[in-house]
């Protein structure tokens, strides 16, 4: 099935445009947003994508402002947008195909969600772009998802990169190292 998706999409696993990942007891085919952009760029009618964000006021902005969650500690992250939308433009069409992602549905908070706290507008924009491209080109993206789309699904078993050595060095008791070993 994976090789079929590789052949159909023309994405290159060696270039990390498409992956086969084991999640929650099942194999899942994933692509980076760059892979989605490669496929969309091959379409003669593709005319670009535009991202916008909104807060609780529902006003769409071209740029989401970096407002620290805690003004005294700006490295703690920024206030996230409530939603992002991607407008996928097609030549010859008078309106774009729109993909909308909301913070409450896709943000990953906690372990594995570090990028969602550091770059909330960027992460939400990537999800909305993947949704918009899949909506515009369903034949090309059927069955292929980005990690960001799957990360909020508790049944998907979010795959996060962990620095096991760093965590092991931070343990202070035999029980902690035992628990870490079990997780590994």
Protein backbone atom coordinates (compact mmCIF):
# COMPACT_ATOMS: atom_id res chain seq x y z
CA UNK A 1 0.00 0.00 0.00
CA UNK A 2 2.85 2.37 0.85
CA UNK A 3 4.63 1.75 -2.46
CA UNK A 4 1.34 2.29 -4.26
CA UNK A 5 0.99 5.71 -2.58
CA UNK A 6 4.62 6.50 -3.45
CA UNK A 7 4.03 5.63 -7.11
CA UNK A 8 0.68 7.42 -7.30
CA UNK A 9 1.87 10.60 -5.55
CA UNK A 10 5.38 10.67 -7.00
CA UNK A 11 6.72 11.58 -3.55
CA UNK A 12 10.20 10.44 -2.58
CA UNK A 13 10.66 8.61 0.76
CA UNK A 14 14.44 9.18 0.59
CA UNK A 15 13.86 12.95 0.37
CA UNK A 16 11.51 12.61 3.39
CA UNK A 17 8.47 13.71 1.41
CA UNK A 18 6.45 10.63 2.43
CA UNK A 19 6.76 8.23 5.39
CA UNK A 20 5.40 4.93 6.62
CA UNK A 21 4.91 5.23 10.38
CA UNK A 22 3.59 2.75 12.94
CA UNK A 23 0.89 4.44 15.09
CA UNK A 24 -1.36 2.87 17.69
CA UNK A 25 -0.85 -0.61 16.31
CA UNK A 26 -1.39 0.36 12.66
CA UNK A 27 0.78 1.50 9.79
CA UNK A 28 0.00 5.07 8.65
CA UNK A 29 1.16 6.87 5.54
CA UNK A 30 2.29 10.41 6.28
CA UNK A 31 3.74 13.27 4.34
CA UNK A 32 5.44 16.46 5.37
CA UNK A 33 3.70 19.65 4.24
CA UNK A 34 6.55 20.01 1.75
CA UNK A 35 5.38 16.80 0.09
CA UNK A 36 1.87 18.22 -0.20
CA UNK A 37 3.32 21.35 -1.81
CA UNK A 38 5.31 19.28 -4.31
CA UNK A 39 2.18 17.41 -5.44
CA UNK A 40 0.07 20.58 -5.63
CA UNK A 41 2.80 22.35 -7.60
CA UNK A 42 2.58 19.69 -10.32
CA UNK A 43 -1.01 20.65 -11.13
CA UNK A 44 -1.33 23.04 -14.07
CA UNK A 45 -4.26 24.81 -12.39
CA UNK A 46 -2.55 25.33 -8.99
CA UNK A 47 -2.10 29.07 -8.38
CA UNK A 48 -0.71 29.20 -4.84
CA UNK A 49 -1.94 29.15 -1.27
CA UNK A 50 -2.55 31.96 1.19
CA UNK A 51 -2.77 31.58 4.98
CA UNK A 52 -4.88 33.65 7.39
CA UNK A 53 -5.51 33.48 11.13
CA UNK A 54 -8.23 34.67 13.50
CA UNK A 55 -8.68 35.07 17.22
CA UNK A 56 -11.82 34.91 19.32
CA UNK A 57 -13.12 38.03 17.54
CA UNK A 58 -13.40 36.11 14.23
CA UNK A 59 -11.42 38.76 12.31
CA UNK A 60 -9.10 37.13 9.74
CA UNK A 61 -5.52 38.49 9.65
CA UNK A 62 -2.72 38.00 7.12
CA UNK A 63 -0.15 37.83 9.94
CA UNK A 64 -0.73 36.50 13.46
CA UNK A 65 0.89 38.80 16.05
CA UNK A 66 3.44 37.28 18.46
CA UNK A 67 1.89 38.06 21.84
CA UNK A 68 3.71 36.25 24.68
CA UNK A 69 1.55 34.03 26.90
CA UNK A 70 3.49 35.42 29.85
CA UNK A 71 4.93 38.91 29.19
CA UNK A 72 7.51 38.36 31.97
CA UNK A 73 8.77 35.16 30.26
CA UNK A 74 8.58 35.62 26.47
CA UNK A 75 10.32 32.26 25.88
CA UNK A 76 7.29 30.43 27.33
CA UNK A 77 5.49 30.73 23.99
CA UNK A 78 2.91 32.88 22.27
CA UNK A 79 -0.85 33.21 22.42
CA UNK A 80 -2.25 30.95 19.72
CA UNK A 81 -4.80 31.87 17.07
CA UNK A 82 -8.21 30.25 17.43
CA UNK A 83 -8.21 29.17 13.79
CA UNK A 84 -6.20 29.25 10.59
CA UNK A 85 -7.46 28.97 7.07
CA UNK A 86 -5.66 28.22 3.84
CA UNK A 87 -7.03 29.62 0.61
CA UNK A 88 -5.93 27.34 -2.23
CA UNK A 89 -6.14 29.18 -5.54
CA UNK A 90 -6.80 27.54 -8.88
CA UNK A 91 -6.38 29.16 -12.28
CA UNK A 92 -9.75 29.70 -13.93
CA UNK A 93 -11.70 29.58 -10.65
CA UNK A 94 -13.36 32.69 -9.25
CA UNK A 95 -12.99 31.55 -5.63
CA UNK A 96 -10.44 29.56 -3.64
CA UNK A 97 -10.82 26.17 -2.02
CA UNK A 98 -10.64 26.75 1.75
CA UNK A 99 -9.22 24.53 4.48
CA UNK A 100 -9.91 25.57 8.08
CA UNK A 101 -8.17 24.22 11.18
CA UNK A 102 -9.11 25.23 14.72
CA UNK A 103 -6.77 25.29 17.69
CA UNK A 104 -9.16 23.20 19.80
CA UNK A 105 -9.24 20.39 17.23
CA UNK A 106 -5.58 20.11 16.23
CA UNK A 107 -3.17 21.61 18.78
CA UNK A 108 -1.01 19.13 20.64
CA UNK A 109 -0.37 20.26 24.20
CA UNK A 110 2.07 18.44 26.46
CA UNK A 111 4.75 15.95 25.47
CA UNK A 112 5.27 16.05 21.72
CA UNK A 113 3.60 19.44 21.38
CA UNK A 114 6.60 21.69 21.89
CA UNK A 115 6.34 23.22 18.42
CA UNK A 116 2.66 24.00 18.98
CA UNK A 117 3.64 26.22 21.92
CA UNK A 118 6.69 27.78 20.24
CA UNK A 119 5.12 28.36 16.80
CA UNK A 120 1.32 28.18 17.19
CA UNK A 121 0.39 30.14 14.06
CA UNK A 122 2.87 28.22 11.91
CA UNK A 123 1.64 24.81 13.09
CA UNK A 124 -2.03 25.68 12.66
CA UNK A 125 -1.33 27.12 9.19
CA UNK A 126 0.34 23.86 8.11
CA UNK A 127 -2.72 21.86 9.12
CA UNK A 128 -5.13 24.23 7.35
CA UNK A 129 -2.95 24.09 4.22
CA UNK A 130 -2.97 20.27 4.22
CA UNK A 131 -6.76 20.30 4.67
CA UNK A 132 -7.21 22.81 1.85
CA UNK A 133 -4.93 20.94 -0.55
CA UNK A 134 -6.67 17.62 0.21
CA UNK A 135 -10.04 19.26 -0.35
CA UNK A 136 -8.88 20.74 -3.70
CA UNK A 137 -7.02 17.60 -4.89
CA UNK A 138 -8.68 14.64 -3.11
CA UNK A 139 -7.39 12.03 -5.58
CA UNK A 140 -3.79 13.01 -4.87
CA UNK A 141 -4.02 13.24 -1.07
CA UNK A 142 -6.52 10.52 -0.23
CA UNK A 143 -5.06 8.34 2.53
CA UNK A 144 -2.03 10.58 3.14
CA UNK A 145 -1.92 12.86 6.19
CA UNK A 146 0.59 15.15 7.84
CA UNK A 147 1.82 14.37 11.35
CA UNK A 148 0.25 17.65 12.50
CA UNK A 149 -3.18 16.45 11.39
CA UNK A 150 -2.82 13.16 13.27
CA UNK A 151 -1.15 14.52 16.39
CA UNK A 152 -4.36 15.54 18.15
CA UNK A 153 -6.16 12.23 17.58
CA UNK A 154 -5.77 10.16 20.78
CA UNK A 155 -6.34 6.95 18.82
CA UNK A 156 -3.49 7.81 16.48
CA UNK A 157 -0.83 7.43 19.18
CA UNK A 158 1.03 10.66 18.49
CA UNK A 159 4.63 9.91 17.53
CA UNK A 160 7.02 12.34 19.14
CA UNK A 161 10.80 12.42 18.92
CA UNK A 162 12.26 11.98 22.39
CA UNK A 163 15.77 12.54 23.63
CA UNK A 164 15.99 9.32 25.63
CA UNK A 165 19.59 9.93 26.73
CA UNK A 166 18.75 13.39 28.07
CA UNK A 167 15.74 11.99 29.96
CA UNK A 168 17.87 9.16 31.38
CA UNK A 169 20.51 11.62 32.59
CA UNK A 170 17.77 13.67 34.29
CA UNK A 171 16.52 10.72 36.38
CA UNK A 172 17.46 10.69 40.04
CA UNK A 173 16.07 7.36 41.26
CA UNK A 174 16.10 3.72 40.20
CA UNK A 175 12.28 3.89 39.91
CA UNK A 176 12.47 6.79 37.44
CA UNK A 177 15.01 5.03 35.23
CA UNK A 178 12.88 1.86 35.40
CA UNK A 179 9.80 3.73 34.28
CA UNK A 180 11.73 5.40 31.47
CA UNK A 181 13.06 1.99 30.36
CA UNK A 182 9.50 0.60 30.25
CA UNK A 183 8.38 3.54 28.07
CA UNK A 184 11.31 2.99 25.76
